[in-house]
PDB file of N, CA and C in Angstrom:
ATOM      1  N   MET A   1      42.173 -21.519 -36.826  1.00  0.00           N
ATOM      2  CA  MET A   1      41.615 -22.518 -35.886  1.00  0.00           C
ATOM      3  C   MET A   1      39.914 -22.673 -35.431  1.00  0.00           C
ATOM      4  N   ASN A   2      39.949 -23.588 -35.455  1.00  0.00           N
ATOM      5  CA  ASN A   2      38.503 -24.226 -35.162  1.00  0.00           C
ATOM      6  C   ASN A   2      38.081 -24.498 -33.562  1.00  0.00           C
ATOM      7  N   ALA A   3      37.021 -23.825 -33.126  1.00  0.00           N
ATOM      8  CA  ALA A   3      36.384 -24.016 -31.754  1.00  0.00           C
ATOM      9  C   ALA A   3      35.530 -24.351 -31.714  1.00  0.00           C
ATOM     10  N   THR A   4      35.433 -25.737 -30.597  1.00  0.00           N
ATOM     11  CA  THR A   4      34.293 -26.676 -30.938  1.00  0.00           C
ATOM     12  C   THR A   4      33.567 -26.800 -29.148  1.00  0.00           C
ATOM     13  N   LEU A   5      32.480 -27.046 -28.463  1.00  0.00           N
ATOM     14  CA  LEU A   5      32.177 -27.565 -27.503  1.00  0.00           C
ATOM     15  C   LEU A   5      31.301 -28.552 -27.587  1.00  0.00           C
ATOM     16  N   ASP A   6      31.412 -29.294 -26.602  1.00  0.00           N
ATOM     17  CA  ASP A   6      30.599 -30.253 -26.209  1.00  0.00           C
ATOM     18  C   ASP A   6      29.584 -30.288 -25.878  1.00  0.00           C
ATOM     19  N   THR A   7      28.914 -30.625 -25.616  1.00  0.00           N
ATOM     20  CA  THR A   7      27.271 -30.428 -25.097  1.00  0.00           C
ATOM     21  C   THR A   7      27.614 -29.993 -23.359  1.00  0.00           C
ATOM     22  N   ALA A   8      28.195 -30.770 -22.422  1.00  0.00           N
ATOM     23  CA  ALA A   8      28.446 -30.575 -21.243  1.00  0.00           C
ATOM     24  C   ALA A   8      28.881 -28.886 -21.476  1.00  0.00           C
ATOM     25  N   GLU A   9      29.745 -28.452 -21.941  1.00  0.00           N
ATOM     26  CA  GLU A   9      30.518 -27.427 -21.933  1.00  0.00           C
ATOM     27  C   GLU A   9      29.479 -26.219 -22.442  1.00  0.00           C
ATOM     28  N   LEU A  10      28.596 -26.332 -23.004  1.00  0.00           N
ATOM     29  CA  LEU A  10      27.538 -25.265 -24.134  1.00  0.00           C
ATOM     30  C   LEU A  10      26.862 -25.314 -22.928  1.00  0.00           C
ATOM     31  N   LYS A  11      26.549 -26.478 -22.166  1.00  0.00           N
ATOM     32  CA  LYS A  11      25.377 -25.997 -21.195  1.00  0.00           C
ATOM     33  C   LYS A  11      25.217 -25.097 -19.883  1.00  0.00           C
ATOM     34  N   GLN A  12      27.016 -25.786 -19.417  1.00  0.00           N
ATOM     35  CA  GLN A  12      27.865 -24.907 -18.754  1.00  0.00           C
ATOM     36  C   GLN A  12      28.184 -23.613 -18.906  1.00  0.00           C
ATOM     37  N   LEU A  13      28.056 -23.253 -20.247  1.00  0.00           N
ATOM     38  CA  LEU A  13      28.646 -21.797 -20.692  1.00  0.00           C
ATOM     39  C   LEU A  13      26.729 -20.365 -20.678  1.00  0.00           C
ATOM     40  N   LEU A  14      25.330 -21.948 -21.035  1.00  0.00           N
ATOM     41  CA  LEU A  14      24.782 -21.062 -20.967  1.00  0.00           C
ATOM     42  C   LEU A  14      24.367 -20.542 -19.661  1.00  0.00           C
ATOM     43  N   LYS A  15      24.025 -21.803 -18.510  1.00  0.00           N
ATOM     44  CA  LYS A  15      23.951 -21.215 -17.254  1.00  0.00           C
ATOM     45  C   LYS A  15      25.032 -20.585 -17.132  1.00  0.00           C
ATOM     46  N   ASP A  16      25.971 -20.234 -16.863  1.00  0.00           N
ATOM     47  CA  ASP A  16      26.982 -19.415 -16.751  1.00  0.00           C
ATOM     48  C   ASP A  16      26.032 -17.743 -16.317  1.00  0.00           C
ATOM     49  N   ALA A  17      26.225 -17.810 -18.079  1.00  0.00           N
ATOM     50  CA  ALA A  17      25.439 -16.184 -19.061  1.00  0.00           C
ATOM     51  C   ALA A  17      24.289 -16.343 -17.823  1.00  0.00           C
ATOM     52  N   LEU A  18      23.968 -17.556 -18.117  1.00  0.00           N
ATOM     53  CA  LEU A  18      21.798 -16.709 -17.809  1.00  0.00           C
ATOM     54  C   LEU A  18      22.321 -16.592 -16.306  1.00  0.00           C
ATOM     55  N   LEU A  19      23.317 -17.328 -15.320  1.00  0.00           N
ATOM     56  CA  LEU A  19      23.119 -16.676 -13.974  1.00  0.00           C
ATOM     57  C   LEU A  19      23.841 -15.557 -13.685  1.00  0.00           C
ATOM     58  N   GLU A  20      24.689 -14.942 -14.726  1.00  0.00           N
ATOM     59  CA  GLU A  20      25.478 -13.435 -14.436  1.00  0.00           C
ATOM     60  C   GLU A  20      24.140 -12.745 -14.805  1.00  0.00           C
ATOM     61  N   LEU A  21      22.965 -12.563 -16.036  1.00  0.00           N
ATOM     62  CA  LEU A  21      21.848 -11.833 -16.418  1.00  0.00           C
ATOM     63  C   LEU A  21      21.442 -11.705 -15.309  1.00  0.00           C
ATOM     64  N   LEU A  22      20.660 -12.860 -14.787  1.00  0.00           N
ATOM     65  CA  LEU A  22      20.240 -12.697 -13.566  1.00  0.00           C
ATOM     66  C   LEU A  22      21.168 -12.071 -12.713  1.00  0.00           C
ATOM     67  N   GLU A  23      21.948 -12.044 -12.507  1.00  0.00           N
ATOM     68  CA  GLU A  23      22.779 -11.078 -10.952  1.00  0.00           C
ATOM     69  C   GLU A  23      22.462  -9.551 -11.582  1.00  0.00           C
ATOM     70  N   GLU A  24      22.459  -9.419 -13.080  1.00  0.00           N
ATOM     71  CA  GLU A  24      23.013  -8.233 -13.356  1.00  0.00           C
ATOM     72  C   GLU A  24      21.604  -7.327 -13.428  1.00  0.00           C
ATOM     73  N   HIS A  25      20.549  -8.048 -13.555  1.00  0.00           N
ATOM     74  CA  HIS A  25      19.082  -7.386 -13.552  1.00  0.00           C
ATOM     75  C   HIS A  25      18.205  -7.726 -12.389  1.00  0.00           C
ATOM     76  N   ARG A  26      18.395  -8.054 -11.442  1.00  0.00           N
ATOM     77  CA  ARG A  26      18.211  -8.567 -10.556  1.00  0.00           C
ATOM     78  C   ARG A  26      16.471  -8.085 -10.336  1.00  0.00           C
ATOM     79  N   GLU A  27      17.183  -6.769 -10.158  1.00  0.00           N
ATOM     80  CA  GLU A  27      15.545  -5.539 -10.319  1.00  0.00           C
ATOM     81  C   GLU A  27      14.669  -5.945 -11.411  1.00  0.00           C
ATOM     82  N   ASP A  28      15.192  -6.043 -11.920  1.00  0.00           N
ATOM     83  CA  ASP A  28      14.408  -6.382 -13.758  1.00  0.00           C
ATOM     84  C   ASP A  28      13.840  -7.015 -13.094  1.00  0.00           C
ATOM     85  N   PHE A  29      14.117  -8.643 -12.802  1.00  0.00           N
ATOM     86  CA  PHE A  29      13.553  -9.900 -13.517  1.00  0.00           C
ATOM     87  C   PHE A  29      12.378  -9.723 -12.321  1.00  0.00           C
ATOM     88  N   GLN A  30      12.518  -9.003 -10.957  1.00  0.00           N
ATOM     89  CA  GLN A  30      12.167  -9.299  -9.733  1.00  0.00           C
ATOM     90  C   GLN A  30      10.519  -8.426  -9.632  1.00  0.00           C
ATOM     91  N   GLU A  31      10.439  -7.124 -10.767  1.00  0.00           N
ATOM     92  CA  GLU A  31       9.437  -6.315 -11.335  1.00  0.00           C
ATOM     93  C   GLU A  31       8.874  -7.351 -12.348  1.00  0.00           C
ATOM     94  N   ILE A  32       9.264  -7.695 -13.169  1.00  0.00           N
ATOM     95  CA  ILE A  32       8.744  -8.328 -13.428  1.00  0.00           C
ATOM     96  C   ILE A  32       7.910  -9.428 -13.320  1.00  0.00           C
ATOM     97  N   LEU A  33       8.431 -10.244 -12.407  1.00  0.00           N
ATOM     98  CA  LEU A  33       8.348 -11.935 -11.637  1.00  0.00           C
ATOM     99  C   LEU A  33       7.094 -11.364 -10.725  1.00  0.00           C
ATOM    100  N   ALA A  34       6.827 -10.087 -10.318  1.00  0.00           N
ATOM    101  CA  ALA A  34       5.604  -9.436  -9.319  1.00  0.00           C
ATOM    102  C   ALA A  34       4.500  -9.303 -10.789  1.00  0.00           C
ATOM    103  N   GLU A  35       4.940  -8.343 -11.770  1.00  0.00           N
ATOM    104  CA  GLU A  35       4.323  -7.915 -12.565  1.00  0.00           C
ATOM    105  C   GLU A  35       3.104  -9.466 -12.831  1.00  0.00           C
ATOM    106  N   THR A  36       4.226 -10.454 -12.898  1.00  0.00           N
ATOM    107  CA  THR A  36       3.440 -11.679 -13.781  1.00  0.00           C
ATOM    108  C   THR A  36       1.997 -12.142 -12.476  1.00  0.00           C
ATOM    109  N   LEU A  37       2.783 -12.051 -11.400  1.00  0.00           N
ATOM    110  CA  LEU A  37       1.912 -12.368 -10.266  1.00  0.00           C
ATOM    111  C   LEU A  37       0.624 -12.135 -10.034  1.00  0.00           C
ATOM    112  N   GLU A  38       1.192 -10.297 -10.328  1.00  0.00           N
ATOM    113  CA  GLU A  38      -0.322  -9.862  -9.848  1.00  0.00           C
ATOM    114  C   GLU A  38      -1.349  -9.841 -11.444  1.00  0.00           C
ATOM    115  N   ASP A  39      -0.260 -10.208 -12.237  1.00  0.00           N
ATOM    116  CA  ASP A  39      -1.694 -10.564 -13.338  1.00  0.00           C
ATOM    117  C   ASP A  39      -2.361 -12.276 -13.495  1.00  0.00           C
ATOM    118  N   VAL A  40      -1.621 -13.170 -12.714  1.00  0.00           N
ATOM    119  CA  VAL A  40      -2.671 -14.651 -12.563  1.00  0.00           C
ATOM    120  C   VAL A  40      -3.461 -14.226 -11.823  1.00  0.00           C
ATOM    121  N   ALA A  41      -2.956 -13.506 -10.310  1.00  0.00           N
ATOM    122  CA  ALA A  41      -3.792 -13.570  -9.258  1.00  0.00           C
ATOM    123  C   ALA A  41      -5.004 -12.654 -10.109  1.00  0.00           C
ATOM    124  N   MET A  42      -4.710 -11.235 -10.951  1.00  0.00           N
ATOM    125  CA  MET A  42      -6.127 -10.752 -11.636  1.00  0.00           C
ATOM    126  C   MET A  42      -7.253 -12.162 -12.344  1.00  0.00           C
ATOM    127  N   ILE A  43      -6.727 -12.547 -13.764  1.00  0.00           N
ATOM    128  CA  ILE A  43      -7.156 -13.797 -13.993  1.00  0.00           C
ATOM    129  C   ILE A  43      -7.639 -14.684 -12.782  1.00  0.00           C
ATOM    130  N   LYS A  44      -7.391 -15.315 -11.873  1.00  0.00           N
ATOM    131  CA  LYS A  44      -8.052 -16.664 -11.366  1.00  0.00           C
ATOM    132  C   LYS A  44      -9.025 -15.574 -10.501  1.00  0.00           C
ATOM    133  N   ALA A  45      -8.645 -13.810 -10.085  1.00  0.00           N
ATOM    134  CA  ALA A  45     -10.300 -13.489  -9.887  1.00  0.00           C
ATOM    135  C   ALA A  45     -11.574 -12.824 -10.319  1.00  0.00           C
ATOM    136  N   ILE A  46     -11.086 -12.815 -11.876  1.00  0.00           N
ATOM    137  CA  ILE A  46     -12.257 -12.454 -13.122  1.00  0.00           C
ATOM    138  C   ILE A  46     -12.330 -13.889 -13.525  1.00  0.00           C
ATOM    139  N   HIS A  47     -11.689 -15.116 -13.016  1.00  0.00           N
ATOM    140  CA  HIS A  47     -12.468 -16.638 -13.585  1.00  0.00           C
ATOM    141  C   HIS A  47     -13.460 -16.583 -12.563  1.00  0.00           C
ATOM    142  N   GLU A  48     -13.231 -16.309 -11.510  1.00  0.00           N
ATOM    143  CA  GLU A  48     -14.214 -16.479 -10.182  1.00  0.00           C
ATOM    144  C   GLU A  48     -15.284 -15.508 -10.432  1.00  0.00           C
ATOM    145  N   GLY A  49     -15.044 -14.893 -10.459  1.00  0.00           N
ATOM    146  CA  GLY A  49     -16.208 -13.975 -10.901  1.00  0.00           C
ATOM    147  C   GLY A  49     -17.175 -13.831 -11.621  1.00  0.00           C
ATOM    148  N   GLU A  50     -16.287 -14.553 -12.792  1.00  0.00           N
ATOM    149  CA  GLU A  50     -17.491 -15.165 -13.607  1.00  0.00           C
ATOM    150  C   GLU A  50     -18.353 -15.989 -13.227  1.00  0.00           C
ATOM    151  N   ASN A  51     -18.032 -16.732 -11.876  1.00  0.00           N
ATOM    152  CA  ASN A  51     -19.383 -17.565 -11.808  1.00  0.00           C
ATOM    153  C   ASN A  51     -19.736 -17.033 -10.540  1.00  0.00           C
ATOM    154  N   THR A  52     -19.826 -15.979 -10.287  1.00  0.00           N
ATOM    155  CA  THR A  52     -20.732 -15.611  -8.561  1.00  0.00           C
ATOM    156  C   THR A  52     -22.203 -14.601  -9.963  1.00  0.00           C
ATOM    157  N   PRO A  53     -23.033 -14.470  -9.132  1.00  0.00           N
ATOM    158  CA  PRO A  53     -24.006 -13.506  -9.435  1.00  0.00           C
ATOM    159  C   PRO A  53     -23.970 -12.326  -9.349  1.00  0.00           C
ATOM    160  N   LEU A  54     -24.891 -11.709 -10.519  1.00  0.00           N
ATOM    161  CA  LEU A  54     -24.268  -9.874 -10.634  1.00  0.00           C
ATOM    162  C   LEU A  54     -24.878  -9.434  -9.242  1.00  0.00           C
ATOM    163  N   VAL A  55     -24.512  -8.170  -8.977  1.00  0.00           N
ATOM    164  CA  VAL A  55     -24.590  -7.149  -7.649  1.00  0.00           C
ATOM    165  C   VAL A  55     -24.953  -6.092  -8.142  1.00  0.00           C
ATOM    166  N   GLU A  56     -25.967  -5.509  -7.613  1.00  0.00           N
ATOM    167  CA  GLU A  56     -25.951  -3.763  -7.838  1.00  0.00           C
ATOM    168  C   GLU A  56     -25.554  -3.227  -7.859  1.00  0.00           C
ATOM    169  N   LYS A  57     -24.862  -1.518  -8.480  1.00  0.00           N
ATOM    170  CA  LYS A  57     -24.085  -1.169  -8.238  1.00  0.00           C
ATOM    171  C   LYS A  57     -23.910  -0.238  -6.929  1.00  0.00           C
ATOM    172  N   GLU A  58     -25.495   0.238  -6.560  1.00  0.00           N
ATOM    173  CA  GLU A  58     -25.948   0.930  -5.296  1.00  0.00           C
ATOM    174  C   GLU A  58     -25.555  -0.707  -3.978  1.00  0.00           C
ATOM    175  N   ASP A  59     -25.617  -1.774  -4.100  1.00  0.00           N
ATOM    176  CA  ASP A  59     -25.170  -2.123  -3.115  1.00  0.00           C
ATOM    177  C   ASP A  59     -23.681  -2.011  -2.735  1.00  0.00           C
ATOM    178  N   ILE A  60     -23.205  -1.670  -4.219  1.00  0.00           N
ATOM    179  CA  ILE A  60     -21.746  -1.983  -4.366  1.00  0.00           C
ATOM    180  C   ILE A  60     -21.753  -0.794  -3.600  1.00  0.00           C
ATOM    181  N   LEU A  61     -21.358   0.887  -4.117  1.00  0.00           N
ATOM    182  CA  LEU A  61     -21.022   1.451  -3.524  1.00  0.00           C
ATOM    183  C   LEU A  61     -21.856   1.862  -1.894  1.00  0.00           C
ATOM    184  N   ARG A  62     -22.763   1.776  -1.582  1.00  0.00           N
ATOM    185  CA  ARG A  62     -23.578   1.438   0.006  1.00  0.00           C
ATOM    186  C   ARG A  62     -22.296   0.341   1.093  1.00  0.00           C
ATOM    187  N   LEU A  63     -21.456  -0.651   0.441  1.00  0.00           N
ATOM    188  CA  LEU A  63     -20.581  -1.238   1.369  1.00  0.00           C
ATOM    189  C   LEU A  63     -19.470  -0.488   0.688  1.00  0.00           C
ATOM    190  N   LEU A  64     -18.947   0.122   0.292  1.00  0.00           N
ATOM    191  CA  LEU A  64     -17.894   0.640   0.346  1.00  0.00           C
ATOM    192  C   LEU A  64     -17.735   2.529   1.115  1.00  0.00           C
ATOM    193  N   GLY A  65     -19.370   2.082   1.223  1.00  0.00           N
ATOM    194  CA  GLY A  65     -19.750   3.941   2.170  1.00  0.00           C
ATOM    195  C   GLY A  65     -19.310   5.087   1.430  1.00  0.00           C
ATOM    196  N   ASP A  66     -19.839   4.780  -0.225  1.00  0.00           N
ATOM    197  CA  ASP A  66     -20.477   6.277  -0.922  1.00  0.00           C
ATOM    198  C   ASP A  66     -21.515   6.570  -0.869  1.00  0.00           C
ATOM    199  N   THR A  67     -22.219   7.433  -0.030  1.00  0.00           N
ATOM    200  CA  THR A  67     -24.355   7.443  -0.518  1.00  0.00           C
ATOM    201  C   THR A  67     -23.717   8.540  -1.880  1.00  0.00           C
ATOM    202  N   GLN A  68     -24.369   7.765  -2.873  1.00  0.00           N
ATOM    203  CA  GLN A  68     -24.210   8.806  -4.147  1.00  0.00           C
ATOM    204  C   GLN A  68     -26.057   8.902  -4.623  1.00  0.00           C
TER     205      GLN A  68
END
């Protein structure tokens, strides 16, 4: 016996499998998404920081309230 699938059936099977995977591992995907968003925000902050003037360490510590 030979089993065959047409494109529509294969597409639906893949959708169903992906949906089942997402439902079973929702927390894992949420964690991955959150980490990805944090990484994107960090990259954006780094790029923005590259275009700003440098600041002395003492100025930053003073703003943070640290008196070293």
